[in-house]
Amino acid sequence: TNKLASSTSLRALGRAQRQLPSKLLPPAQSNNYIAVKTCLREPPFDTLRKDMLVLVRGGEDGPSADELVLAYKRLIKSVEDIDATSSLGMRGRSDIDPFQLGVEYEEIETALDLFIKVGSEAAGIPLQEDTRQMEVGSIDSRSGKVTSRVI
């Protein structure tokens, strides 16, 4: 089922990627810590982890499974970094670099691009289907003769 849900998760991640510059970039550039934390908890960013896990589980038996897990960890770390910096800024820490949120935003952008690229490659690998054809039969009620046919 994760393989089938991968296309939906890819669309959701693509939506997040498209909305990243309009929703997360402005508060990150202006060092608005509260707005950054709020933005990460609103759609489409609130389901990033879930959508990424669907892709990781769907591609775990594929050839790019290790690369997908590394891209997942990189993206999660970048989102957690900007969230942690925002938390420190909200508490009034003065030792935060004024460009820190901008740098962390760029890392999220890069990591999301990489994850979507690797995830779409992993999702593009076809399902391993059962190639055996199912054989069914029917019984003639008059003669009792069994006739088999392949579906």
Protein backbone atom coordinates (compact mmCIF):
# COMPACT_ATOMS: atom_id res chain seq x y z
CA THR A 1 0.00 0.00 0.00
CA ASN A 2 2.89 2.39 0.59
CA LYS A 3 3.92 1.96 -3.03
CA LEU A 4 0.42 2.97 -4.11
CA ALA A 5 0.29 5.90 -1.68
CA SER A 6 3.65 7.18 -2.91
CA SER A 7 2.12 9.22 -5.74
CA THR A 8 -0.16 11.05 -3.30
CA SER A 9 2.76 11.74 -0.99
CA LEU A 10 4.86 13.01 -3.90
CA ARG A 11 2.09 15.42 -4.85
CA ALA A 12 1.87 16.67 -1.25
CA LEU A 13 5.65 17.16 -1.11
CA GLY A 14 5.55 18.98 -4.45
CA ARG A 15 2.87 21.27 -3.04
CA ALA A 16 5.08 21.97 -0.02
CA GLN A 17 8.02 22.67 -2.32
CA ARG A 18 5.98 25.16 -4.37
CA GLN A 19 4.68 26.95 -1.26
CA LEU A 20 8.03 27.06 0.52
CA PRO A 21 9.16 30.40 -1.02
CA SER A 22 5.85 32.15 -0.38
CA LYS A 23 5.09 30.82 3.11
CA LEU A 24 8.36 30.06 4.89
CA LEU A 25 10.88 32.35 3.21
CA PRO A 26 9.41 35.74 4.23
CA PRO A 27 9.34 35.02 7.98
CA ALA A 28 12.77 33.36 7.78
CA GLN A 29 14.27 36.42 6.05
CA SER A 30 12.73 38.81 8.56
CA ASN A 31 13.74 36.67 11.58
CA ASN A 32 10.11 36.30 12.64
CA TYR A 33 10.61 33.29 14.89
CA ILE A 34 6.97 32.87 15.87
CA ALA A 35 5.82 32.94 12.23
CA VAL A 36 8.43 30.32 11.25
CA LYS A 37 7.27 27.95 14.00
CA THR A 38 3.62 28.57 13.08
CA CYS A 39 4.30 28.00 9.38
CA LEU A 40 5.93 24.62 10.05
CA ARG A 41 2.78 23.51 11.86
CA GLU A 42 0.33 24.50 9.12
CA PRO A 43 -0.48 22.82 5.79
CA PRO A 44 1.32 21.76 3.67
CA PHE A 45 4.33 21.57 6.01
CA ASP A 46 2.52 19.85 8.88
CA THR A 47 2.44 16.53 7.01
CA LEU A 48 6.01 16.57 5.65
CA ARG A 49 7.23 13.80 7.95
CA LYS A 50 4.24 11.56 7.23
CA ASP A 51 4.50 12.00 3.46
CA MET A 52 8.24 11.37 3.51
CA LEU A 53 7.82 8.20 5.59
CA VAL A 54 5.31 6.86 3.06
CA LEU A 55 7.93 7.26 0.34
CA VAL A 56 10.67 5.74 2.49
CA ARG A 57 8.52 2.71 3.30
CA GLY A 58 7.43 2.38 -0.32
CA GLY A 59 11.02 2.38 -1.55
CA GLU A 60 12.63 0.37 1.22
CA ASP A 61 13.02 -2.71 -0.95
CA GLY A 62 14.26 -0.81 -3.99
CA PRO A 63 17.78 -0.14 -5.21
CA SER A 64 17.80 3.48 -3.94
CA ALA A 65 16.56 2.68 -0.42
CA ASP A 66 19.76 3.82 1.33
CA GLU A 67 19.89 7.06 -0.63
CA LEU A 68 16.22 7.69 0.20
CA VAL A 69 16.81 7.18 3.93
CA LEU A 70 19.80 9.55 3.86
CA ALA A 71 17.76 12.21 2.04
CA TYR A 72 14.96 11.71 4.59
CA LYS A 73 17.34 12.20 7.52
CA ARG A 74 18.86 15.30 5.92
CA LEU A 75 15.47 16.92 5.36
CA ILE A 76 14.20 16.08 8.84
CA LYS A 77 17.37 17.50 10.38
CA SER A 78 17.05 20.73 8.41
CA VAL A 79 13.41 21.21 9.45
CA GLU A 80 14.27 20.44 13.09
CA ASP A 81 17.19 22.89 12.94
CA ILE A 82 15.06 25.83 11.80
CA ASP A 83 12.42 24.89 14.37
CA ALA A 84 15.02 24.78 17.16
CA THR A 85 16.50 28.12 16.09
CA SER A 86 13.01 29.63 16.10
CA SER A 87 12.41 28.27 19.60
CA LEU A 88 15.63 29.86 20.84
CA GLY A 89 14.74 33.14 19.16
CA MET A 90 11.30 33.14 20.75
CA ARG A 91 12.95 32.77 24.16
CA GLY A 92 15.02 35.87 23.49
CA ARG A 93 18.45 34.36 22.95
CA SER A 94 20.67 37.14 21.67
CA ASP A 95 23.51 34.95 20.38
CA ILE A 96 21.57 33.83 17.27
CA ASP A 97 23.14 34.93 13.99
CA PRO A 98 20.70 37.26 12.16
CA PHE A 99 21.22 35.22 8.98
CA GLN A 100 20.74 31.83 10.67
CA LEU A 101 17.09 31.35 9.63
CA GLY A 102 17.92 32.26 6.03
CA VAL A 103 20.75 29.71 5.91
CA GLU A 104 18.52 27.04 7.46
CA TYR A 105 15.73 27.87 4.98
CA GLU A 106 18.15 27.31 2.09
CA GLU A 107 19.13 23.95 3.58
CA ILE A 108 15.45 22.93 3.76
CA GLU A 109 15.01 23.97 0.14
CA THR A 110 18.05 21.94 -0.98
CA ALA A 111 17.14 18.90 1.12
CA LEU A 112 13.51 18.94 -0.09
CA ASP A 113 14.64 19.12 -3.72
CA LEU A 114 16.95 16.15 -3.17
CA PHE A 115 14.31 14.11 -1.31
CA ILE A 116 11.67 14.69 -3.99
CA LYS A 117 14.17 13.72 -6.71
CA VAL A 118 15.22 10.49 -4.95
CA GLY A 119 11.66 9.75 -3.81
CA SER A 120 10.20 10.12 -7.29
CA GLU A 121 12.84 7.77 -8.66
CA ALA A 122 12.04 5.24 -5.95
CA ALA A 123 8.29 5.61 -6.51
CA GLY A 124 8.79 5.14 -10.26
CA ILE A 125 10.06 1.60 -9.77
CA PRO A 126 7.12 -0.61 -10.66
CA LEU A 127 5.41 -2.89 -8.20
CA GLN A 128 6.47 -6.49 -8.22
CA GLU A 129 3.32 -8.20 -9.32
CA ASP A 130 2.41 -11.84 -9.38
CA THR A 131 2.90 -12.90 -12.99
CA ARG A 132 1.15 -16.21 -12.59
CA GLN A 133 -2.29 -16.17 -14.09
CA MET A 134 -5.12 -17.39 -11.96
CA GLU A 135 -6.85 -20.51 -13.18
CA VAL A 136 -10.53 -21.01 -12.45
CA GLY A 137 -12.92 -23.69 -13.45
CA SER A 138 -16.56 -24.27 -14.03
CA ILE A 139 -18.61 -27.41 -13.64
CA ASP A 140 -21.32 -28.35 -16.11
CA SER A 141 -24.27 -29.29 -13.91
CA ARG A 142 -25.67 -31.79 -16.39
CA SER A 143 -22.57 -33.74 -17.34
CA GLY A 144 -20.38 -32.99 -14.34
CA LYS A 145 -17.54 -32.06 -16.68
CA VAL A 146 -14.98 -29.61 -15.23
CA THR A 147 -13.71 -26.96 -17.63
CA SER A 148 -10.75 -24.82 -16.57
CA ARG A 149 -9.86 -21.43 -17.98
CA VAL A 150 -7.20 -18.83 -17.28
CA ILE A 151 -8.23 -15.35 -16.21
